[in-house]
Amino acid sequence: MKIEFDRYTCTGMFQCVHEWEGFQKNLKRGKADLRDSIEEGEDIFIMEVPEGEEFEAEMAARVCPVDAIKLYDDAGNKIV
């Protein structure tokens, strides 16, 4: 499972941080950061969701009020 985070779209509500420890608050920027991710494009970060953390990652994506988080299955199909 892969997660994609658009930090530009993020508004800093930090609901994702409360759902999954894969996200952390970046108070200096007023936005969340996706831990251990790779910047794929300008302000687009991706990473493989660690095994056993899929549910929490999905919840983080679902609670984002601006849809800055997308989740894909191993075949590349969008889940959230």
PDB file of N, CA and C in Angstrom:
ATOM      1  N   MET A   1       0.846  -1.172   0.000  1.00  0.00           N
ATOM      2  CA  MET A   1       0.000   0.000   0.000  1.00  0.00           C
ATOM      3  C   MET A   1       0.893   1.237   0.000  1.00  0.00           C
ATOM      4  N   LYS A   2       0.539   2.213  -0.824  1.00  0.00           N
ATOM      5  CA  LYS A   2       1.314   3.450  -0.922  1.00  0.00           C
ATOM      6  C   LYS A   2       0.437   4.630  -0.505  1.00  0.00           C
ATOM      7  N   ILE A   3       1.044   5.580   0.179  1.00  0.00           N
ATOM      8  CA  ILE A   3       0.339   6.799   0.569  1.00  0.00           C
ATOM      9  C   ILE A   3       1.003   7.979  -0.119  1.00  0.00           C
ATOM     10  N   GLU A   4       0.171   8.924  -0.548  1.00  0.00           N
ATOM     11  CA  GLU A   4       0.651  10.138  -1.207  1.00  0.00           C
ATOM     12  C   GLU A   4       0.080  11.331  -0.449  1.00  0.00           C
ATOM     13  N   PHE A   5       0.938  12.265  -0.118  1.00  0.00           N
ATOM     14  CA  PHE A   5       0.530  13.428   0.671  1.00  0.00           C
ATOM     15  C   PHE A   5       0.892  14.700  -0.074  1.00  0.00           C
ATOM     16  N   ASP A   6      -0.100  15.553  -0.283  1.00  0.00           N
ATOM     17  CA  ASP A   6       0.087  16.839  -0.955  1.00  0.00           C
ATOM     18  C   ASP A   6       0.182  17.929   0.123  1.00  0.00           C
ATOM     19  N   ARG A   7       1.401  18.273   0.482  1.00  0.00           N
ATOM     20  CA  ARG A   7       1.592  19.240   1.567  1.00  0.00           C
ATOM     21  C   ARG A   7       1.106  20.631   1.178  1.00  0.00           C
ATOM     22  N   TYR A   8       1.117  20.974  -0.107  1.00  0.00           N
ATOM     23  CA  TYR A   8       0.624  22.280  -0.542  1.00  0.00           C
ATOM     24  C   TYR A   8      -0.865  22.424  -0.201  1.00  0.00           C
ATOM     25  N   THR A   9      -1.621  21.355  -0.408  1.00  0.00           N
ATOM     26  CA  THR A   9      -3.061  21.372  -0.157  1.00  0.00           C
ATOM     27  C   THR A   9      -3.384  21.350   1.337  1.00  0.00           C
ATOM     28  N   CYS A  10      -2.500  20.782   2.129  1.00  0.00           N
ATOM     29  CA  CYS A  10      -2.703  20.671   3.577  1.00  0.00           C
ATOM     30  C   CYS A  10      -2.978  22.039   4.201  1.00  0.00           C
ATOM     31  N   THR A  11      -3.973  22.088   5.080  1.00  0.00           N
ATOM     32  CA  THR A  11      -4.312  23.339   5.768  1.00  0.00           C
ATOM     33  C   THR A  11      -3.925  23.333   7.240  1.00  0.00           C
ATOM     34  N   GLY A  12      -3.253  22.279   7.680  1.00  0.00           N
ATOM     35  CA  GLY A  12      -2.756  22.242   9.046  1.00  0.00           C
ATOM     36  C   GLY A  12      -3.802  21.992  10.109  1.00  0.00           C
ATOM     37  N   MET A  13      -4.818  21.215   9.788  1.00  0.00           N
ATOM     38  CA  MET A  13      -5.820  20.858  10.798  1.00  0.00           C
ATOM     39  C   MET A  13      -5.312  19.726  11.691  1.00  0.00           C
ATOM     40  N   PHE A  14      -4.333  18.982  11.218  1.00  0.00           N
ATOM     41  CA  PHE A  14      -3.634  17.919  11.957  1.00  0.00           C
ATOM     42  C   PHE A  14      -4.507  16.747  12.382  1.00  0.00           C
ATOM     43  N   GLN A  15      -5.639  16.546  11.722  1.00  0.00           N
ATOM     44  CA  GLN A  15      -6.450  15.376  12.046  1.00  0.00           C
ATOM     45  C   GLN A  15      -5.713  14.088  11.689  1.00  0.00           C
ATOM     46  N   CYS A  16      -4.905  14.131  10.634  1.00  0.00           N
ATOM     47  CA  CYS A  16      -4.126  12.956  10.233  1.00  0.00           C
ATOM     48  C   CYS A  16      -3.136  12.548  11.320  1.00  0.00           C
ATOM     49  N   VAL A  17      -2.582  13.535  12.005  1.00  0.00           N
ATOM     50  CA  VAL A  17      -1.607  13.280  13.071  1.00  0.00           C
ATOM     51  C   VAL A  17      -2.252  12.498  14.208  1.00  0.00           C
ATOM     52  N   HIS A  18      -3.509  12.778  14.471  1.00  0.00           N
ATOM     53  CA  HIS A  18      -4.219  12.098  15.559  1.00  0.00           C
ATOM     54  C   HIS A  18      -4.623  10.670  15.185  1.00  0.00           C
ATOM     55  N   GLU A  19      -4.694  10.400  13.885  1.00  0.00           N
ATOM     56  CA  GLU A  19      -5.099   9.071  13.423  1.00  0.00           C
ATOM     57  C   GLU A  19      -3.935   8.114  13.213  1.00  0.00           C
ATOM     58  N   TRP A  20      -2.764   8.656  12.826  1.00  0.00           N
ATOM     59  CA  TRP A  20      -1.646   7.784  12.466  1.00  0.00           C
ATOM     60  C   TRP A  20      -0.324   8.468  12.775  1.00  0.00           C
ATOM     61  N   GLU A  21       0.572   7.752  13.406  1.00  0.00           N
ATOM     62  CA  GLU A  21       1.871   8.318  13.761  1.00  0.00           C
ATOM     63  C   GLU A  21       2.791   8.483  12.549  1.00  0.00           C
ATOM     64  N   GLY A  22       2.320   8.098  11.358  1.00  0.00           N
ATOM     65  CA  GLY A  22       3.070   8.338  10.129  1.00  0.00           C
ATOM     66  C   GLY A  22       3.115   9.819   9.779  1.00  0.00           C
ATOM     67  N   PHE A  23       2.209  10.587  10.377  1.00  0.00           N
ATOM     68  CA  PHE A  23       2.194  12.040  10.197  1.00  0.00           C
ATOM     69  C   PHE A  23       2.643  12.721  11.477  1.00  0.00           C
ATOM     70  N   GLN A  24       3.270  13.871  11.315  1.00  0.00           N
ATOM     71  CA  GLN A  24       3.671  14.670  12.472  1.00  0.00           C
ATOM     72  C   GLN A  24       3.372  16.137  12.191  1.00  0.00           C
ATOM     73  N   LYS A  25       3.192  16.896  13.243  1.00  0.00           N
ATOM     74  CA  LYS A  25       2.944  18.333  13.120  1.00  0.00           C
ATOM     75  C   LYS A  25       4.238  19.043  12.750  1.00  0.00           C
ATOM     76  N   ASN A  26       4.131  19.977  11.832  1.00  0.00           N
ATOM     77  CA  ASN A  26       5.234  20.883  11.507  1.00  0.00           C
ATOM     78  C   ASN A  26       4.701  22.277  11.799  1.00  0.00           C
ATOM     79  N   LEU A  27       4.843  22.705  13.041  1.00  0.00           N
ATOM     80  CA  LEU A  27       4.275  23.985  13.467  1.00  0.00           C
ATOM     81  C   LEU A  27       4.948  25.170  12.795  1.00  0.00           C
ATOM     82  N   LYS A  28       6.185  25.008  12.398  1.00  0.00           N
ATOM     83  CA  LYS A  28       6.907  26.093  11.716  1.00  0.00           C
ATOM     84  C   LYS A  28       6.253  26.404  10.367  1.00  0.00           C
ATOM     85  N   ARG A  29       5.814  25.364   9.654  1.00  0.00           N
ATOM     86  CA  ARG A  29       5.167  25.547   8.348  1.00  0.00           C
ATOM     87  C   ARG A  29       3.648  25.603   8.470  1.00  0.00           C
ATOM     88  N   GLY A  30       3.121  25.187   9.630  1.00  0.00           N
ATOM     89  CA  GLY A  30       1.677  25.176   9.823  1.00  0.00           C
ATOM     90  C   GLY A  30       0.992  24.074   9.034  1.00  0.00           C
ATOM     91  N   LYS A  31       1.725  23.005   8.784  1.00  0.00           N
ATOM     92  CA  LYS A  31       1.205  21.886   8.008  1.00  0.00           C
ATOM     93  C   LYS A  31       1.724  20.593   8.606  1.00  0.00           C
ATOM     94  N   ALA A  32       1.162  19.489   8.149  1.00  0.00           N
ATOM     95  CA  ALA A  32       1.640  18.179   8.584  1.00  0.00           C
ATOM     96  C   ALA A  32       2.815  17.751   7.706  1.00  0.00           C
ATOM     97  N   ASP A  33       3.604  16.822   8.210  1.00  0.00           N
ATOM     98  CA  ASP A  33       4.678  16.181   7.451  1.00  0.00           C
ATOM     99  C   ASP A  33       4.423  14.680   7.467  1.00  0.00           C
ATOM    100  N   LEU A  34       4.725  14.032   6.346  1.00  0.00           N
ATOM    101  CA  LEU A  34       4.638  12.580   6.258  1.00  0.00           C
ATOM    102  C   LEU A  34       6.023  12.033   6.572  1.00  0.00           C
ATOM    103  N   ARG A  35       6.150  11.389   7.724  1.00  0.00           N
ATOM    104  CA  ARG A  35       7.455  10.893   8.185  1.00  0.00           C
ATOM    105  C   ARG A  35       8.038   9.875   7.202  1.00  0.00           C
ATOM    106  N   ASP A  36       9.363   9.898   7.067  1.00  0.00           N
ATOM    107  CA  ASP A  36      10.095   8.905   6.277  1.00  0.00           C
ATOM    108  C   ASP A  36       9.625   8.820   4.826  1.00  0.00           C
ATOM    109  N   SER A  37       9.120   9.915   4.287  1.00  0.00           N
ATOM    110  CA  SER A  37       8.621   9.907   2.914  1.00  0.00           C
ATOM    111  C   SER A  37       9.662  10.489   1.960  1.00  0.00           C
ATOM    112  N   ILE A  38       9.400  10.311   0.685  1.00  0.00           N
ATOM    113  CA  ILE A  38      10.251  10.831  -0.374  1.00  0.00           C
ATOM    114  C   ILE A  38       9.453  11.881  -1.137  1.00  0.00           C
ATOM    115  N   GLU A  39      10.084  13.015  -1.419  1.00  0.00           N
ATOM    116  CA  GLU A  39       9.400  14.059  -2.183  1.00  0.00           C
ATOM    117  C   GLU A  39       9.443  13.671  -3.657  1.00  0.00           C
ATOM    118  N   GLU A  40       8.282  13.361  -4.203  1.00  0.00           N
ATOM    119  CA  GLU A  40       8.162  12.907  -5.590  1.00  0.00           C
ATOM    120  C   GLU A  40       8.050  14.080  -6.551  1.00  0.00           C
ATOM    121  N   GLY A  41       7.441  15.135  -6.110  1.00  0.00           N
ATOM    122  CA  GLY A  41       7.263  16.364  -6.874  1.00  0.00           C
ATOM    123  C   GLY A  41       7.219  17.496  -5.869  1.00  0.00           C
ATOM    124  N   GLU A  42       7.039  18.704  -6.344  1.00  0.00           N
ATOM    125  CA  GLU A  42       7.012  19.832  -5.410  1.00  0.00           C
ATOM    126  C   GLU A  42       5.852  19.680  -4.433  1.00  0.00           C
ATOM    127  N   ASP A  43       6.186  19.493  -3.178  1.00  0.00           N
ATOM    128  CA  ASP A  43       5.230  19.330  -2.073  1.00  0.00           C
ATOM    129  C   ASP A  43       4.357  18.079  -2.193  1.00  0.00           C
ATOM    130  N   ILE A  44       4.778  17.090  -2.975  1.00  0.00           N
ATOM    131  CA  ILE A  44       4.094  15.801  -3.067  1.00  0.00           C
ATOM    132  C   ILE A  44       5.024  14.747  -2.476  1.00  0.00           C
ATOM    133  N   PHE A  45       4.589  14.104  -1.409  1.00  0.00           N
ATOM    134  CA  PHE A  45       5.410  13.143  -0.686  1.00  0.00           C
ATOM    135  C   PHE A  45       4.749  11.764  -0.744  1.00  0.00           C
ATOM    136  N   ILE A  46       5.568  10.723  -0.929  1.00  0.00           N
ATOM    137  CA  ILE A  46       5.049   9.356  -1.005  1.00  0.00           C
ATOM    138  C   ILE A  46       5.857   8.438  -0.099  1.00  0.00           C
ATOM    139  N   MET A  47       5.221   7.341   0.273  1.00  0.00           N
ATOM    140  CA  MET A  47       5.912   6.293   1.021  1.00  0.00           C
ATOM    141  C   MET A  47       5.065   5.030   1.006  1.00  0.00           C
ATOM    142  N   GLU A  48       5.718   3.914   1.246  1.00  0.00           N
ATOM    143  CA  GLU A  48       5.020   2.653   1.445  1.00  0.00           C
ATOM    144  C   GLU A  48       4.516   2.635   2.887  1.00  0.00           C
ATOM    145  N   VAL A  49       3.281   2.253   3.065  1.00  0.00           N
ATOM    146  CA  VAL A  49       2.712   2.146   4.411  1.00  0.00           C
ATOM    147  C   VAL A  49       3.288   0.889   5.052  1.00  0.00           C
ATOM    148  N   PRO A  50       3.875   1.026   6.228  1.00  0.00           N
ATOM    149  CA  PRO A  50       4.429  -0.157   6.899  1.00  0.00           C
ATOM    150  C   PRO A  50       3.346  -1.211   7.177  1.00  0.00           C
ATOM    151  N   GLU A  51       3.751  -2.457   7.086  1.00  0.00           N
ATOM    152  CA  GLU A  51       2.828  -3.561   7.342  1.00  0.00           C
ATOM    153  C   GLU A  51       2.240  -3.431   8.744  1.00  0.00           C
ATOM    154  N   GLY A  52       0.954  -3.632   8.841  1.00  0.00           N
ATOM    155  CA  GLY A  52       0.266  -3.536  10.121  1.00  0.00           C
ATOM    156  C   GLY A  52      -0.264  -2.149  10.429  1.00  0.00           C
ATOM    157  N   GLU A  53       0.054  -1.158   9.589  1.00  0.00           N
ATOM    158  CA  GLU A  53      -0.400   0.212   9.824  1.00  0.00           C
ATOM    159  C   GLU A  53      -1.392   0.681   8.762  1.00  0.00           C
ATOM    160  N   GLU A  54      -1.883  -0.244   7.959  1.00  0.00           N
ATOM    161  CA  GLU A  54      -2.776   0.106   6.858  1.00  0.00           C
ATOM    162  C   GLU A  54      -4.067   0.772   7.339  1.00  0.00           C
ATOM    163  N   PHE A  55      -4.658   0.242   8.392  1.00  0.00           N
ATOM    164  CA  PHE A  55      -5.915   0.798   8.898  1.00  0.00           C
ATOM    165  C   PHE A  55      -5.722   2.244   9.353  1.00  0.00           C
ATOM    166  N   GLU A  56      -4.656   2.502  10.106  1.00  0.00           N
ATOM    167  CA  GLU A  56      -4.398   3.851  10.609  1.00  0.00           C
ATOM    168  C   GLU A  56      -4.118   4.818   9.467  1.00  0.00           C
ATOM    169  N   ALA A  57      -3.382   4.362   8.456  1.00  0.00           N
ATOM    170  CA  ALA A  57      -3.097   5.209   7.293  1.00  0.00           C
ATOM    171  C   ALA A  57      -4.387   5.548   6.552  1.00  0.00           C
ATOM    172  N   GLU A  58      -5.259   4.555   6.416  1.00  0.00           N
ATOM    173  CA  GLU A  58      -6.543   4.803   5.749  1.00  0.00           C
ATOM    174  C   GLU A  58      -7.386   5.789   6.538  1.00  0.00           C
ATOM    175  N   MET A  59      -7.389   5.665   7.848  1.00  0.00           N
ATOM    176  CA  MET A  59      -8.162   6.601   8.675  1.00  0.00           C
ATOM    177  C   MET A  59      -7.608   8.022   8.539  1.00  0.00           C
ATOM    178  N   ALA A  60      -6.289   8.143   8.496  1.00  0.00           N
ATOM    179  CA  ALA A  60      -5.668   9.466   8.318  1.00  0.00           C
ATOM    180  C   ALA A  60      -6.113  10.086   6.998  1.00  0.00           C
ATOM    181  N   ALA A  61      -6.163   9.283   5.946  1.00  0.00           N
ATOM    182  CA  ALA A  61      -6.598   9.785   4.642  1.00  0.00           C
ATOM    183  C   ALA A  61      -8.074  10.182   4.674  1.00  0.00           C
ATOM    184  N   ARG A  62      -8.884   9.382   5.331  1.00  0.00           N
ATOM    185  CA  ARG A  62     -10.328   9.650   5.351  1.00  0.00           C
ATOM    186  C   ARG A  62     -10.698  10.901   6.148  1.00  0.00           C
ATOM    187  N   VAL A  63      -9.933  11.218   7.203  1.00  0.00           N
ATOM    188  CA  VAL A  63     -10.302  12.373   8.030  1.00  0.00           C
ATOM    189  C   VAL A  63      -9.744  13.699   7.504  1.00  0.00           C
ATOM    190  N   CYS A  64      -8.890  13.667   6.505  1.00  0.00           N
ATOM    191  CA  CYS A  64      -8.322  14.908   5.979  1.00  0.00           C
ATOM    192  C   CYS A  64      -9.440  15.767   5.375  1.00  0.00           C
ATOM    193  N   PRO A  65      -9.663  16.971   5.902  1.00  0.00           N
ATOM    194  CA  PRO A  65     -10.784  17.789   5.434  1.00  0.00           C
ATOM    195  C   PRO A  65     -10.577  18.376   4.034  1.00  0.00           C
ATOM    196  N   VAL A  66      -9.355  18.352   3.524  1.00  0.00           N
ATOM    197  CA  VAL A  66      -9.084  18.931   2.199  1.00  0.00           C
ATOM    198  C   VAL A  66      -8.590  17.886   1.202  1.00  0.00           C
ATOM    199  N   ASP A  67      -8.701  16.614   1.552  1.00  0.00           N
ATOM    200  CA  ASP A  67      -8.302  15.504   0.677  1.00  0.00           C
ATOM    201  C   ASP A  67      -6.857  15.631   0.184  1.00  0.00           C
ATOM    202  N   ALA A  68      -5.953  15.962   1.092  1.00  0.00           N
ATOM    203  CA  ALA A  68      -4.539  16.092   0.748  1.00  0.00           C
ATOM    204  C   ALA A  68      -3.818  14.746   0.808  1.00  0.00           C
ATOM    205  N   ILE A  69      -4.524  13.697   1.216  1.00  0.00           N
ATOM    206  CA  ILE A  69      -3.914  12.376   1.394  1.00  0.00           C
ATOM    207  C   ILE A  69      -4.635  11.373   0.500  1.00  0.00           C
ATOM    208  N   LYS A  70      -3.860  10.655  -0.297  1.00  0.00           N
ATOM    209  CA  LYS A  70      -4.417   9.604  -1.150  1.00  0.00           C
ATOM    210  C   LYS A  70      -3.743   8.286  -0.800  1.00  0.00           C
ATOM    211  N   LEU A  71      -4.497   7.225  -0.902  1.00  0.00           N
ATOM    212  CA  LEU A  71      -4.000   5.898  -0.572  1.00  0.00           C
ATOM    213  C   LEU A  71      -4.217   4.988  -1.772  1.00  0.00           C
ATOM    214  N   TYR A  72      -3.198   4.181  -2.107  1.00  0.00           N
ATOM    215  CA  TYR A  72      -3.258   3.286  -3.259  1.00  0.00           C
ATOM    216  C   TYR A  72      -2.919   1.863  -2.819  1.00  0.00           C
ATOM    217  N   ASP A  73      -3.608   0.884  -3.412  1.00  0.00           N
ATOM    218  CA  ASP A  73      -3.280  -0.503  -3.115  1.00  0.00           C
ATOM    219  C   ASP A  73      -2.028  -0.912  -3.891  1.00  0.00           C
ATOM    220  N   ASP A  74      -1.587  -2.127  -3.723  1.00  0.00           N
ATOM    221  CA  ASP A  74      -0.346  -2.580  -4.347  1.00  0.00           C
ATOM    222  C   ASP A  74      -0.424  -2.617  -5.870  1.00  0.00           C
ATOM    223  N   ALA A  75      -1.620  -2.655  -6.428  1.00  0.00           N
ATOM    224  CA  ALA A  75      -1.792  -2.656  -7.881  1.00  0.00           C
ATOM    225  C   ALA A  75      -1.858  -1.233  -8.440  1.00  0.00           C
ATOM    226  N   GLY A  76      -1.817  -0.234  -7.538  1.00  0.00           N
ATOM    227  CA  GLY A  76      -1.865   1.166  -7.974  1.00  0.00           C
ATOM    228  C   GLY A  76      -3.255   1.754  -8.059  1.00  0.00           C
ATOM    229  N   ASN A  77      -4.253   1.014  -7.591  1.00  0.00           N
ATOM    230  CA  ASN A  77      -5.628   1.509  -7.588  1.00  0.00           C
ATOM    231  C   ASN A  77      -5.857   2.398  -6.383  1.00  0.00           C
ATOM    232  N   LYS A  78      -6.510   3.532  -6.609  1.00  0.00           N
ATOM    233  CA  LYS A  78      -6.799   4.465  -5.517  1.00  0.00           C
ATOM    234  C   LYS A  78      -7.833   3.873  -4.587  1.00  0.00           C
ATOM    235  N   ILE A  79      -7.523   3.862  -3.289  1.00  0.00           N
ATOM    236  CA  ILE A  79      -8.435   3.373  -2.264  1.00  0.00           C
ATOM    237  C   ILE A  79      -9.199   4.550  -1.667  1.00  0.00           C
ATOM    238  N   VAL A  80      -8.465   5.588  -1.301  1.00  0.00           N
ATOM    239  CA  VAL A  80      -9.050   6.788  -0.700  1.00  0.00           C
ATOM    240  C   VAL A  80      -8.458   7.982  -1.402  1.00  0.00           C
TER     241      VAL A  80
END
